[in-house]
Amino acid sequence: MEPPRTQDSLTPSQRQAVAARGNVLVMAGAGTGKTHTLVERCLHCLCSEQPPASLTEILVVTFTEAAAAEMRRRLREQLEEKLRAAPDEPRWAEQLALFDTAHIGTLHGFCLKLVREHFHELGLDPQLAVLDAGEARLLADETLGEELQEHYAGQDELAEAVQKLIRIYGGGRDQAIRQLVLRLHHYAQTRPDADGWLARQIEKFASPAPDEWRAWLLDGIRAWRDEWLPVLEKLKNENEKATELLGILSRLGNAPVPGVESSLRLETIGAQRRPYNHVPQFNREQAAEILEQIISADGNWPARRKAALRKTVGEIFCRCCVFAFARRC
């Protein structure tokens, strides 16, 4: 738990973030005071640096216009407060005079400013503009529609593959496929190397033995098992179906004992932290057997008690069917 705030309205972690210099990464959730901390960091640069920094030397970027406006408002209020507290100090009047030209805005706004200042070096039209979200969405839909129309009219191997994809996975309609393609596009654009990332995914899907996907499936089944074992343990005295499911699921590999902290530890793999267990785990065949037993258990209920008993354990059958389907793919 974070220690209480001090008189300067910052927690120890926030004060550390304010005073840190060099390349600093701060991760925090919603409502934890990120904007307040960033404002204080700017003020710290303006007040405590030797020599003090100027607003013309500070770049602050956010992802949204709303966040940028909030940042500007809060920083201006703090500068005005300092001017009221020390009206004879010319520095604060100077910084307020520079405020309207300060580099405080969105990331894409700053990039657009750079492009416009160097358009001649980039060979671009100086009147270029950034599409708003609505225009970008319409353009993406239009471009995707044109691509799909070409494949609808085509007869080559790729066109036939696209038609088959829509026929099988879209039920003959392309709306679901359109949404999936756009989601994939938007996600790929968040990667440092979008083209390289897509190429690697295509290579993985083209592999005759999808070992990585199988490992991910087993990881998902393992997490599902570890999530449900303690739940079923708590329900077993009042739900006989929970007792049956607990007996089945407990046979799935070396599962942690309910009520006992798992022996899993976190191990850093690349840039991610994944659970790692030194104890041998189950394989695909063992998982398939348990999944089939759980699915079969959904077809056998005490007379006139299915609705009441299934109310608390129904989700386990839904997830089980998803895993069973994914295993067959």
C-alpha atoms as a PDB file:
ATOM      1  CA  MET A   1       0.000   0.000   0.000  1.00  0.00           C
ATOM      2  CA  GLU A   2       1.253   3.478  -0.876  1.00  0.00           C
ATOM      3  CA  PRO A   3       2.278   5.546   2.200  1.00  0.00           C
ATOM      4  CA  PRO A   4       0.082   8.593   2.938  1.00  0.00           C
ATOM      5  CA  ARG A   5       0.618  11.867   1.140  1.00  0.00           C
ATOM      6  CA  THR A   6       2.779  14.480   2.791  1.00  0.00           C
ATOM      7  CA  GLN A   7       2.144  18.205   3.082  1.00  0.00           C
ATOM      8  CA  ASP A   8       3.286  18.774  -0.500  1.00  0.00           C
ATOM      9  CA  SER A   9       0.339  16.560  -1.583  1.00  0.00           C
ATOM     10  CA  LEU A  10       2.642  13.934  -3.111  1.00  0.00           C
ATOM     11  CA  THR A  11       3.231  10.363  -2.028  1.00  0.00           C
ATOM     12  CA  PRO A  12       6.842   9.152  -1.696  1.00  0.00           C
ATOM     13  CA  SER A  13       6.560   7.361  -5.052  1.00  0.00           C
ATOM     14  CA  GLN A  14       5.230  10.509  -6.713  1.00  0.00           C
ATOM     15  CA  ARG A  15       8.008  12.620  -5.213  1.00  0.00           C
ATOM     16  CA  GLN A  16      10.508  10.119  -6.580  1.00  0.00           C
ATOM     17  CA  ALA A  17       8.931  10.426 -10.043  1.00  0.00           C
ATOM     18  CA  VAL A  18       9.028  14.235  -9.805  1.00  0.00           C
ATOM     19  CA  ALA A  19      12.708  14.411  -8.843  1.00  0.00           C
ATOM     20  CA  ALA A  20      14.017  11.624 -11.127  1.00  0.00           C
ATOM     21  CA  ARG A  21      16.139  12.641 -14.109  1.00  0.00           C
ATOM     22  CA  GLY A  22      17.343  10.827 -17.202  1.00  0.00           C
ATOM     23  CA  ASN A  23      15.198   8.192 -18.937  1.00  0.00           C
ATOM     24  CA  VAL A  24      12.360   7.464 -16.498  1.00  0.00           C
ATOM     25  CA  LEU A  25       9.329   5.207 -16.992  1.00  0.00           C
ATOM     26  CA  VAL A  26       6.462   5.595 -14.513  1.00  0.00           C
ATOM     27  CA  MET A  27       3.571   3.107 -14.642  1.00  0.00           C
ATOM     28  CA  ALA A  28       0.360   3.876 -12.751  1.00  0.00           C
ATOM     29  CA  GLY A  29      -3.315   3.019 -12.982  1.00  0.00           C
ATOM     30  CA  ALA A  30      -6.345   5.254 -13.407  1.00  0.00           C
ATOM     31  CA  GLY A  31      -6.989   7.772 -10.635  1.00  0.00           C
ATOM     32  CA  THR A  32      -3.520   7.504  -9.098  1.00  0.00           C
ATOM     33  CA  GLY A  33      -2.528  11.115  -9.726  1.00  0.00           C
ATOM     34  CA  LYS A  34      -0.521  10.878 -12.950  1.00  0.00           C
ATOM     35  CA  THR A  35      -1.543  14.324 -14.205  1.00  0.00           C
ATOM     36  CA  HIS A  36      -0.874  15.920 -10.832  1.00  0.00           C
ATOM     37  CA  THR A  37       2.544  14.259 -10.680  1.00  0.00           C
ATOM     38  CA  LEU A  38       3.434  15.390 -14.188  1.00  0.00           C
ATOM     39  CA  VAL A  39       2.455  18.985 -13.369  1.00  0.00           C
ATOM     40  CA  GLU A  40       4.618  18.855 -10.246  1.00  0.00           C
ATOM     41  CA  ARG A  41       7.484  17.425 -12.312  1.00  0.00           C
ATOM     42  CA  CYS A  42       7.239  20.372 -14.722  1.00  0.00           C
ATOM     43  CA  LEU A  43       7.184  22.829 -11.826  1.00  0.00           C
ATOM     44  CA  HIS A  44      10.183  21.076 -10.315  1.00  0.00           C
ATOM     45  CA  CYS A  45      12.092  21.634 -13.567  1.00  0.00           C
ATOM     46  CA  LEU A  46      11.057  25.280 -13.601  1.00  0.00           C
ATOM     47  CA  CYS A  47      11.875  25.905  -9.936  1.00  0.00           C
ATOM     48  CA  SER A  48      14.547  23.520  -8.716  1.00  0.00           C
ATOM     49  CA  GLU A  49      16.812  22.893 -11.691  1.00  0.00           C
ATOM     50  CA  GLN A  50      20.127  24.729 -11.653  1.00  0.00           C
ATOM     51  CA  PRO A  51      19.904  26.756 -13.748  1.00  0.00           C
ATOM     52  CA  PRO A  52      16.057  26.660 -13.792  1.00  0.00           C
ATOM     53  CA  ALA A  53      14.467  25.398 -16.991  1.00  0.00           C
ATOM     54  CA  SER A  54      12.085  27.440 -19.105  1.00  0.00           C
ATOM     55  CA  LEU A  55       8.731  26.388 -20.559  1.00  0.00           C
ATOM     56  CA  THR A  56      10.323  26.681 -23.991  1.00  0.00           C
ATOM     57  CA  GLU A  57      12.648  23.805 -23.026  1.00  0.00           C
ATOM     58  CA  ILE A  58       9.926  21.415 -21.809  1.00  0.00           C
ATOM     59  CA  LEU A  59       7.926  19.049 -24.029  1.00  0.00           C
ATOM     60  CA  VAL A  60       4.767  17.489 -22.562  1.00  0.00           C
ATOM     61  CA  VAL A  61       2.675  15.199 -24.760  1.00  0.00           C
ATOM     62  CA  THR A  62      -0.489  13.201 -24.079  1.00  0.00           C
ATOM     63  CA  PHE A  63      -2.592  10.837 -26.161  1.00  0.00           C
ATOM     64  CA  THR A  64      -5.868  12.783 -26.154  1.00  0.00           C
ATOM     65  CA  GLU A  65      -6.918  16.402 -26.584  1.00  0.00           C
ATOM     66  CA  ALA A  66      -8.867  16.226 -23.323  1.00  0.00           C
ATOM     67  CA  ALA A  67      -5.793  15.122 -21.362  1.00  0.00           C
ATOM     68  CA  ALA A  68      -3.671  17.841 -22.980  1.00  0.00           C
ATOM     69  CA  ALA A  69      -6.259  20.507 -22.117  1.00  0.00           C
ATOM     70  CA  GLU A  70      -6.369  19.283 -18.510  1.00  0.00           C
ATOM     71  CA  MET A  71      -2.585  19.371 -18.294  1.00  0.00           C
ATOM     72  CA  ARG A  72      -2.423  22.936 -19.632  1.00  0.00           C
ATOM     73  CA  ARG A  73      -5.152  24.090 -17.268  1.00  0.00           C
ATOM     74  CA  ARG A  74      -3.515  22.629 -14.176  1.00  0.00           C
ATOM     75  CA  LEU A  75      -0.051  23.893 -15.056  1.00  0.00           C
ATOM     76  CA  ARG A  76      -1.324  27.399 -15.766  1.00  0.00           C
ATOM     77  CA  GLU A  77      -3.187  27.435 -12.439  1.00  0.00           C
ATOM     78  CA  GLN A  78      -0.009  26.451 -10.595  1.00  0.00           C
ATOM     79  CA  LEU A  79       2.036  29.158 -12.323  1.00  0.00           C
ATOM     80  CA  GLU A  80      -0.622  31.773 -11.557  1.00  0.00           C
ATOM     81  CA  GLU A  81      -0.644  30.662  -7.922  1.00  0.00           C
ATOM     82  CA  LYS A  82       3.129  31.074  -7.725  1.00  0.00           C
ATOM     83  CA  LEU A  83       2.861  34.545  -9.261  1.00  0.00           C
ATOM     84  CA  ARG A  84       0.252  35.554  -6.674  1.00  0.00           C
ATOM     85  CA  ALA A  85       2.454  34.204  -3.895  1.00  0.00           C
ATOM     86  CA  ALA A  86       5.536  36.095  -5.190  1.00  0.00           C
ATOM     87  CA  PRO A  87       4.345  39.049  -7.327  1.00  0.00           C
ATOM     88  CA  ASP A  88       7.783  40.647  -7.275  1.00  0.00           C
ATOM     89  CA  GLU A  89       9.408  37.557  -8.793  1.00  0.00           C
ATOM     90  CA  PRO A  90       9.663  38.283 -12.560  1.00  0.00           C
ATOM     91  CA  ARG A  91      10.290  34.626 -13.432  1.00  0.00           C
ATOM     92  CA  TRP A  92       6.659  33.576 -12.995  1.00  0.00           C
ATOM     93  CA  ALA A  93       5.324  36.457 -15.078  1.00  0.00           C
ATOM     94  CA  GLU A  94       7.842  35.502 -17.765  1.00  0.00           C
ATOM     95  CA  GLN A  95       6.772  31.852 -17.752  1.00  0.00           C
ATOM     96  CA  LEU A  96       3.103  32.795 -17.963  1.00  0.00           C
ATOM     97  CA  ALA A  97       3.919  35.019 -20.945  1.00  0.00           C
ATOM     98  CA  LEU A  98       5.552  32.030 -22.622  1.00  0.00           C
ATOM     99  CA  PHE A  99       2.727  29.653 -21.711  1.00  0.00           C
ATOM    100  CA  ASP A 100       0.728  29.925 -24.937  1.00  0.00           C
ATOM    101  CA  THR A 101       3.780  28.898 -26.969  1.00  0.00           C
ATOM    102  CA  ALA A 102       4.754  26.031 -24.643  1.00  0.00           C
ATOM    103  CA  HIS A 103       4.951  22.531 -26.143  1.00  0.00           C
ATOM    104  CA  ILE A 104       2.053  21.020 -24.187  1.00  0.00           C
ATOM    105  CA  GLY A 105      -0.369  19.014 -26.335  1.00  0.00           C
ATOM    106  CA  THR A 106      -1.055  15.685 -27.962  1.00  0.00           C
ATOM    107  CA  LEU A 107       1.620  13.413 -29.366  1.00  0.00           C
ATOM    108  CA  HIS A 108       0.122  13.573 -32.864  1.00  0.00           C
ATOM    109  CA  GLY A 109      -0.173  17.368 -32.591  1.00  0.00           C
ATOM    110  CA  PHE A 110       3.539  17.677 -31.814  1.00  0.00           C
ATOM    111  CA  CYS A 111       4.438  15.321 -34.666  1.00  0.00           C
ATOM    112  CA  LEU A 112       2.280  17.354 -37.062  1.00  0.00           C
ATOM    113  CA  LYS A 113       4.109  20.514 -35.957  1.00  0.00           C
ATOM    114  CA  LEU A 114       7.473  18.875 -36.721  1.00  0.00           C
ATOM    115  CA  VAL A 115       6.282  17.679 -40.123  1.00  0.00           C
ATOM    116  CA  ARG A 116       4.969  21.130 -41.063  1.00  0.00           C
ATOM    117  CA  GLU A 117       8.242  22.762 -40.003  1.00  0.00           C
ATOM    118  CA  HIS A 118      10.250  20.313 -42.147  1.00  0.00           C
ATOM    119  CA  PHE A 119       7.792  19.592 -44.980  1.00  0.00           C
ATOM    120  CA  HIS A 120      10.344  20.642 -47.616  1.00  0.00           C
ATOM    121  CA  GLU A 121      12.847  18.069 -46.378  1.00  0.00           C
ATOM    122  CA  LEU A 122      10.154  15.361 -46.333  1.00  0.00           C
ATOM    123  CA  GLY A 123       8.739  16.269 -49.738  1.00  0.00           C
ATOM    124  CA  LEU A 124       5.221  16.819 -48.344  1.00  0.00           C
ATOM    125  CA  ASP A 125       2.473  19.366 -48.928  1.00  0.00           C
ATOM    126  CA  PRO A 126       2.780  22.093 -46.248  1.00  0.00           C
ATOM    127  CA  GLN A 127      -1.027  22.205 -45.978  1.00  0.00           C
ATOM    128  CA  LEU A 128      -1.310  18.622 -44.751  1.00  0.00           C
ATOM    129  CA  ALA A 129      -3.680  17.946 -41.836  1.00  0.00           C
ATOM    130  CA  VAL A 130      -4.433  15.172 -39.343  1.00  0.00           C
ATOM    131  CA  LEU A 131      -7.623  13.206 -39.931  1.00  0.00           C
ATOM    132  CA  ASP A 132     -10.038  13.259 -37.036  1.00  0.00           C
ATOM    133  CA  ALA A 133     -11.289   9.948 -35.671  1.00  0.00           C
ATOM    134  CA  GLY A 134     -14.504  10.013 -37.721  1.00  0.00           C
ATOM    135  CA  GLU A 135     -12.743  10.738 -41.010  1.00  0.00           C
ATOM    136  CA  ALA A 136     -10.093   8.095 -40.316  1.00  0.00           C
ATOM    137  CA  ARG A 137     -12.798   5.504 -39.599  1.00  0.00           C
ATOM    138  CA  LEU A 138     -14.652   6.303 -42.816  1.00  0.00           C
ATOM    139  CA  LEU A 139     -11.452   6.154 -44.874  1.00  0.00           C
ATOM    140  CA  ALA A 140     -10.481   2.807 -43.312  1.00  0.00           C
ATOM    141  CA  ASP A 141     -13.935   1.352 -44.036  1.00  0.00           C
ATOM    142  CA  GLU A 142     -13.807   2.627 -47.621  1.00  0.00           C
ATOM    143  CA  THR A 143     -10.303   1.241 -48.230  1.00  0.00           C
ATOM    144  CA  LEU A 144     -11.192  -2.146 -46.745  1.00  0.00           C
ATOM    145  CA  GLY A 145     -14.372  -2.252 -48.832  1.00  0.00           C
ATOM    146  CA  GLU A 146     -12.391  -1.671 -52.019  1.00  0.00           C
ATOM    147  CA  GLU A 147      -9.953  -4.454 -51.081  1.00  0.00           C
ATOM    148  CA  LEU A 148     -12.774  -6.904 -50.416  1.00  0.00           C
ATOM    149  CA  GLN A 149     -14.550  -6.024 -53.660  1.00  0.00           C
ATOM    150  CA  GLU A 150     -11.399  -6.919 -55.612  1.00  0.00           C
ATOM    151  CA  HIS A 151     -11.300 -10.331 -53.933  1.00  0.00           C
ATOM    152  CA  TYR A 152     -15.017 -10.912 -54.499  1.00  0.00           C
ATOM    153  CA  ALA A 153     -14.485 -10.421 -58.215  1.00  0.00           C
ATOM    154  CA  GLY A 154     -11.165 -12.279 -58.345  1.00  0.00           C
ATOM    155  CA  GLN A 155     -10.555 -15.920 -59.168  1.00  0.00           C
ATOM    156  CA  ASP A 156      -6.967 -16.394 -58.025  1.00  0.00           C
ATOM    157  CA  GLU A 157      -5.892 -18.370 -54.961  1.00  0.00           C
ATOM    158  CA  LEU A 158      -5.938 -15.376 -52.591  1.00  0.00           C
ATOM    159  CA  ALA A 159      -9.398 -14.273 -53.745  1.00  0.00           C
ATOM    160  CA  GLU A 160     -10.760 -17.779 -53.218  1.00  0.00           C
ATOM    161  CA  ALA A 161      -9.214 -17.862 -49.733  1.00  0.00           C
ATOM    162  CA  VAL A 162     -10.901 -14.564 -48.823  1.00  0.00           C
ATOM    163  CA  GLN A 163     -14.242 -15.789 -50.152  1.00  0.00           C
ATOM    164  CA  LYS A 164     -13.878 -19.008 -48.168  1.00  0.00           C
ATOM    165  CA  LEU A 165     -12.997 -17.071 -45.012  1.00  0.00           C
ATOM    166  CA  ILE A 166     -16.157 -14.967 -45.271  1.00  0.00           C
ATOM    167  CA  ARG A 167     -18.307 -17.959 -46.180  1.00  0.00           C
ATOM    168  CA  ILE A 168     -17.107 -20.127 -43.265  1.00  0.00           C
ATOM    169  CA  TYR A 169     -16.273 -17.702 -40.465  1.00  0.00           C
ATOM    170  CA  GLY A 170     -18.565 -14.851 -41.432  1.00  0.00           C
ATOM    171  CA  GLY A 171     -21.602 -16.961 -42.282  1.00  0.00           C
ATOM    172  CA  GLY A 172     -21.641 -15.500 -45.779  1.00  0.00           C
ATOM    173  CA  ARG A 173     -21.495 -11.888 -44.515  1.00  0.00           C
ATOM    174  CA  ASP A 174     -18.337  -9.803 -44.320  1.00  0.00           C
ATOM    175  CA  GLN A 175     -19.256  -7.585 -41.348  1.00  0.00           C
ATOM    176  CA  ALA A 176     -17.560  -9.773 -38.742  1.00  0.00           C
ATOM    177  CA  ILE A 177     -14.472 -10.146 -40.955  1.00  0.00           C
ATOM    178  CA  ARG A 178     -14.335  -6.383 -41.484  1.00  0.00           C
ATOM    179  CA  GLN A 179     -14.366  -5.807 -37.727  1.00  0.00           C
ATOM    180  CA  LEU A 180     -11.673  -8.422 -37.205  1.00  0.00           C
ATOM    181  CA  VAL A 181      -9.402  -6.952 -39.893  1.00  0.00           C
ATOM    182  CA  LEU A 182      -9.793  -3.429 -38.487  1.00  0.00           C
ATOM    183  CA  ARG A 183      -9.071  -4.640 -34.950  1.00  0.00           C
ATOM    184  CA  LEU A 184      -5.970  -6.418 -36.183  1.00  0.00           C
ATOM    185  CA  HIS A 185      -4.882  -3.288 -38.066  1.00  0.00           C
ATOM    186  CA  HIS A 186      -5.373  -1.010 -35.070  1.00  0.00           C
ATOM    187  CA  TYR A 187      -3.469  -3.394 -32.804  1.00  0.00           C
ATOM    188  CA  ALA A 188      -0.615  -3.787 -35.291  1.00  0.00           C
ATOM    189  CA  GLN A 189      -0.245  -0.005 -35.431  1.00  0.00           C
ATOM    190  CA  THR A 190       0.529   0.011 -31.703  1.00  0.00           C
ATOM    191  CA  ARG A 191       3.590  -2.205 -32.271  1.00  0.00           C
ATOM    192  CA  PRO A 192       7.038  -0.650 -32.775  1.00  0.00           C
ATOM    193  CA  ASP A 193       7.406  -2.545 -36.066  1.00  0.00           C
ATOM    194  CA  ALA A 194       3.912  -3.173 -37.424  1.00  0.00           C
ATOM    195  CA  ASP A 195       5.025  -4.805 -40.695  1.00  0.00           C
ATOM    196  CA  GLY A 196       7.564  -7.004 -38.935  1.00  0.00           C
ATOM    197  CA  TRP A 197       5.033  -8.060 -36.303  1.00  0.00           C
ATOM    198  CA  LEU A 198       2.461  -9.009 -38.954  1.00  0.00           C
ATOM    199  CA  ALA A 199       5.098 -10.962 -40.895  1.00  0.00           C
ATOM    200  CA  ARG A 200       6.001 -12.937 -37.767  1.00  0.00           C
ATOM    201  CA  GLN A 201       2.352 -13.750 -37.062  1.00  0.00           C
ATOM    202  CA  ILE A 202       1.857 -14.961 -40.643  1.00  0.00           C
ATOM    203  CA  GLU A 203       4.944 -17.135 -40.294  1.00  0.00           C
ATOM    204  CA  LYS A 204       3.568 -18.663 -37.090  1.00  0.00           C
ATOM    205  CA  PHE A 205       0.182 -19.397 -38.662  1.00  0.00           C
ATOM    206  CA  ALA A 206       1.902 -20.957 -41.679  1.00  0.00           C
ATOM    207  CA  SER A 207       3.862 -23.370 -39.473  1.00  0.00           C
ATOM    208  CA  PRO A 208       2.669 -26.972 -39.964  1.00  0.00           C
ATOM    209  CA  ALA A 209       3.065 -27.563 -36.209  1.00  0.00           C
ATOM    210  CA  PRO A 210       1.648 -24.596 -34.243  1.00  0.00           C
ATOM    211  CA  ASP A 211       3.677 -25.346 -31.117  1.00  0.00           C
ATOM    212  CA  GLU A 212       3.420 -21.841 -29.691  1.00  0.00           C
ATOM    213  CA  TRP A 213      -0.364 -21.714 -30.069  1.00  0.00           C
ATOM    214  CA  ARG A 214      -0.656 -25.120 -28.372  1.00  0.00           C
ATOM    215  CA  ALA A 215       1.500 -23.913 -25.493  1.00  0.00           C
ATOM    216  CA  TRP A 216      -0.715 -20.825 -25.122  1.00  0.00           C
ATOM    217  CA  LEU A 217      -3.819 -23.031 -25.102  1.00  0.00           C
ATOM    218  CA  LEU A 218      -2.375 -25.182 -22.329  1.00  0.00           C
ATOM    219  CA  ASP A 219      -1.453 -22.033 -20.384  1.00  0.00           C
ATOM    220  CA  GLY A 220      -5.048 -20.845 -20.732  1.00  0.00           C
ATOM    221  CA  ILE A 221      -6.428 -24.196 -19.546  1.00  0.00           C
ATOM    222  CA  ARG A 222      -4.001 -24.185 -16.619  1.00  0.00           C
ATOM    223  CA  ALA A 223      -5.087 -20.689 -15.563  1.00  0.00           C
ATOM    224  CA  TRP A 224      -8.738 -21.708 -15.907  1.00  0.00           C
ATOM    225  CA  ARG A 225      -8.105 -24.758 -13.731  1.00  0.00           C
ATOM    226  CA  ASP A 226      -6.323 -22.727 -11.049  1.00  0.00           C
ATOM    227  CA  GLU A 227      -9.135 -20.167 -11.084  1.00  0.00           C
ATOM    228  CA  TRP A 228     -11.926 -22.722 -10.640  1.00  0.00           C
ATOM    229  CA  LEU A 229     -10.437 -25.166  -8.137  1.00  0.00           C
ATOM    230  CA  PRO A 230     -10.795 -22.828  -5.106  1.00  0.00           C
ATOM    231  CA  VAL A 231     -14.273 -21.792  -6.274  1.00  0.00           C
ATOM    232  CA  LEU A 232     -15.456 -25.390  -6.508  1.00  0.00           C
ATOM    233  CA  GLU A 233     -13.840 -26.168  -3.144  1.00  0.00           C
ATOM    234  CA  LYS A 234     -15.996 -23.482  -1.508  1.00  0.00           C
ATOM    235  CA  LEU A 235     -19.169 -24.658  -3.276  1.00  0.00           C
ATOM    236  CA  LYS A 236     -18.825 -28.411  -2.746  1.00  0.00           C
ATOM    237  CA  ASN A 237     -20.765 -28.580   0.536  1.00  0.00           C
ATOM    238  CA  GLU A 238     -23.841 -26.918  -0.946  1.00  0.00           C
ATOM    239  CA  ASN A 239     -23.652 -27.973  -4.608  1.00  0.00           C
ATOM    240  CA  GLU A 240     -23.215 -31.633  -5.502  1.00  0.00           C
ATOM    241  CA  LYS A 241     -22.334 -30.746  -9.097  1.00  0.00           C
ATOM    242  CA  ALA A 242     -19.485 -28.624  -7.781  1.00  0.00           C
ATOM    243  CA  THR A 243     -18.242 -31.690  -5.878  1.00  0.00           C
ATOM    244  CA  GLU A 244     -18.310 -33.739  -9.091  1.00  0.00           C
ATOM    245  CA  LEU A 245     -16.513 -31.050 -11.083  1.00  0.00           C
ATOM    246  CA  LEU A 246     -13.928 -30.621  -8.336  1.00  0.00           C
ATOM    247  CA  GLY A 247     -13.098 -34.307  -8.547  1.00  0.00           C
ATOM    248  CA  ILE A 248     -12.693 -34.132 -12.328  1.00  0.00           C
ATOM    249  CA  LEU A 249     -10.692 -30.907 -12.439  1.00  0.00           C
ATOM    250  CA  SER A 250      -8.374 -32.002  -9.605  1.00  0.00           C
ATOM    251  CA  ARG A 251      -7.100 -34.771 -11.868  1.00  0.00           C
ATOM    252  CA  LEU A 252      -5.827 -32.238 -14.404  1.00  0.00           C
ATOM    253  CA  GLY A 253      -2.090 -32.209 -13.880  1.00  0.00           C
ATOM    254  CA  ASN A 254      -0.312 -31.013 -10.764  1.00  0.00           C
ATOM    255  CA  ALA A 255      -2.852 -28.423  -9.696  1.00  0.00           C
ATOM    256  CA  PRO A 256      -2.271 -26.218  -6.646  1.00  0.00           C
ATOM    257  CA  VAL A 257      -4.202 -27.382  -3.585  1.00  0.00           C
ATOM    258  CA  PRO A 258      -7.198 -25.107  -2.912  1.00  0.00           C
ATOM    259  CA  GLY A 259      -6.504 -22.730  -0.059  1.00  0.00           C
ATOM    260  CA  VAL A 260      -2.741 -23.113  -0.405  1.00  0.00           C
ATOM    261  CA  GLU A 261      -0.659 -20.477  -2.149  1.00  0.00           C
ATOM    262  CA  SER A 262       0.446 -21.635  -5.581  1.00  0.00           C
ATOM    263  CA  SER A 263       4.057 -22.648  -6.107  1.00  0.00           C
ATOM    264  CA  LEU A 264       4.106 -20.628  -9.311  1.00  0.00           C
ATOM    265  CA  ARG A 265       6.706 -17.915  -9.530  1.00  0.00           C
ATOM    266  CA  LEU A 266       7.085 -15.110 -12.039  1.00  0.00           C
ATOM    267  CA  GLU A 267       9.960 -15.365 -14.421  1.00  0.00           C
ATOM    268  CA  THR A 268      10.940 -12.623 -16.825  1.00  0.00           C
ATOM    269  CA  ILE A 269      10.856 -13.847 -20.413  1.00  0.00           C
ATOM    270  CA  GLY A 270      11.841 -11.156 -22.878  1.00  0.00           C
ATOM    271  CA  ALA A 271       9.753  -8.106 -22.074  1.00  0.00           C
ATOM    272  CA  GLN A 272       6.941 -10.095 -20.422  1.00  0.00           C
ATOM    273  CA  ARG A 273       6.511 -11.723 -17.050  1.00  0.00           C
ATOM    274  CA  ARG A 274       4.938 -15.152 -17.268  1.00  0.00           C
ATOM    275  CA  PRO A 275       4.077 -17.777 -14.676  1.00  0.00           C
ATOM    276  CA  TYR A 276       6.566 -20.577 -14.521  1.00  0.00           C
ATOM    277  CA  ASN A 277       6.179 -23.855 -12.628  1.00  0.00           C
ATOM    278  CA  HIS A 278       8.971 -26.291 -11.892  1.00  0.00           C
ATOM    279  CA  VAL A 279       6.478 -29.172 -11.406  1.00  0.00           C
ATOM    280  CA  PRO A 280       5.537 -31.240 -14.510  1.00  0.00           C
ATOM    281  CA  GLN A 281       2.212 -30.265 -16.043  1.00  0.00           C
ATOM    282  CA  PHE A 282      -0.423 -31.983 -18.163  1.00  0.00           C
ATOM    283  CA  ASN A 283      -0.271 -32.505 -21.914  1.00  0.00           C
ATOM    284  CA  ARG A 284      -2.886 -31.967 -24.632  1.00  0.00           C
ATOM    285  CA  GLU A 285      -4.228 -35.510 -24.430  1.00  0.00           C
ATOM    286  CA  GLN A 286      -4.765 -35.287 -20.678  1.00  0.00           C
ATOM    287  CA  ALA A 287      -6.421 -31.887 -21.061  1.00  0.00           C
ATOM    288  CA  ALA A 288      -8.728 -33.240 -23.790  1.00  0.00           C
ATOM    289  CA  GLU A 289      -9.834 -36.111 -21.566  1.00  0.00           C
ATOM    290  CA  ILE A 290     -10.700 -33.797 -18.666  1.00  0.00           C
ATOM    291  CA  LEU A 291     -12.498 -31.321 -20.935  1.00  0.00           C
ATOM    292  CA  GLU A 292     -14.666 -34.094 -22.371  1.00  0.00           C
ATOM    293  CA  GLN A 293     -15.524 -35.322 -18.862  1.00  0.00           C
ATOM    294  CA  ILE A 294     -16.608 -31.834 -17.796  1.00  0.00           C
ATOM    295  CA  ILE A 295     -18.708 -31.376 -20.932  1.00  0.00           C
ATOM    296  CA  SER A 296     -20.336 -34.768 -20.277  1.00  0.00           C
ATOM    297  CA  ALA A 297     -21.084 -33.705 -16.690  1.00  0.00           C
ATOM    298  CA  ASP A 298     -23.234 -30.890 -18.076  1.00  0.00           C
ATOM    299  CA  GLY A 299     -25.638 -33.489 -19.468  1.00  0.00           C
ATOM    300  CA  ASN A 300     -26.355 -35.229 -16.178  1.00  0.00           C
ATOM    301  CA  TRP A 301     -28.220 -33.257 -13.502  1.00  0.00           C
ATOM    302  CA  PRO A 302     -30.470 -34.204 -10.557  1.00  0.00           C
ATOM    303  CA  ALA A 303     -34.152 -34.013 -11.406  1.00  0.00           C
ATOM    304  CA  ARG A 304     -35.675 -30.525 -11.120  1.00  0.00           C
ATOM    305  CA  ARG A 305     -32.449 -29.062  -9.691  1.00  0.00           C
ATOM    306  CA  LYS A 306     -30.447 -28.206 -12.795  1.00  0.00           C
ATOM    307  CA  ALA A 307     -31.279 -24.490 -12.823  1.00  0.00           C
ATOM    308  CA  ALA A 308     -30.381 -23.987  -9.163  1.00  0.00           C
ATOM    309  CA  LEU A 309     -27.168 -26.020  -9.274  1.00  0.00           C
ATOM    310  CA  ARG A 310     -25.974 -24.705 -12.627  1.00  0.00           C
ATOM    311  CA  LYS A 311     -26.414 -21.075 -11.585  1.00  0.00           C
ATOM    312  CA  THR A 312     -23.110 -21.018  -9.689  1.00  0.00           C
ATOM    313  CA  VAL A 313     -21.058 -23.330 -11.923  1.00  0.00           C
ATOM    314  CA  GLY A 314     -22.454 -22.672 -15.411  1.00  0.00           C
ATOM    315  CA  GLU A 315     -19.498 -20.532 -16.484  1.00  0.00           C
ATOM    316  CA  ILE A 316     -17.113 -23.459 -16.136  1.00  0.00           C
ATOM    317  CA  PHE A 317     -18.988 -25.343 -18.875  1.00  0.00           C
ATOM    318  CA  CYS A 318     -18.911 -22.344 -21.240  1.00  0.00           C
ATOM    319  CA  ARG A 319     -15.161 -21.904 -20.873  1.00  0.00           C
ATOM    320  CA  CYS A 320     -14.663 -25.647 -21.197  1.00  0.00           C
ATOM    321  CA  CYS A 321     -16.487 -25.724 -24.548  1.00  0.00           C
ATOM    322  CA  VAL A 322     -14.325 -22.851 -25.811  1.00  0.00           C
ATOM    323  CA  PHE A 323     -11.130 -24.708 -24.876  1.00  0.00           C
ATOM    324  CA  ALA A 324     -12.406 -27.923 -26.431  1.00  0.00           C
ATOM    325  CA  PHE A 325     -13.229 -26.115 -29.685  1.00  0.00           C
ATOM    326  CA  ALA A 326      -9.852 -24.332 -29.743  1.00  0.00           C
ATOM    327  CA  ARG A 327      -8.070 -27.644 -29.221  1.00  0.00           C
ATOM    328  CA  ARG A 328      -9.707 -29.109 -32.347  1.00  0.00           C
ATOM    329  CA  CYS A 329      -8.744 -26.139 -34.522  1.00  0.00           C
END
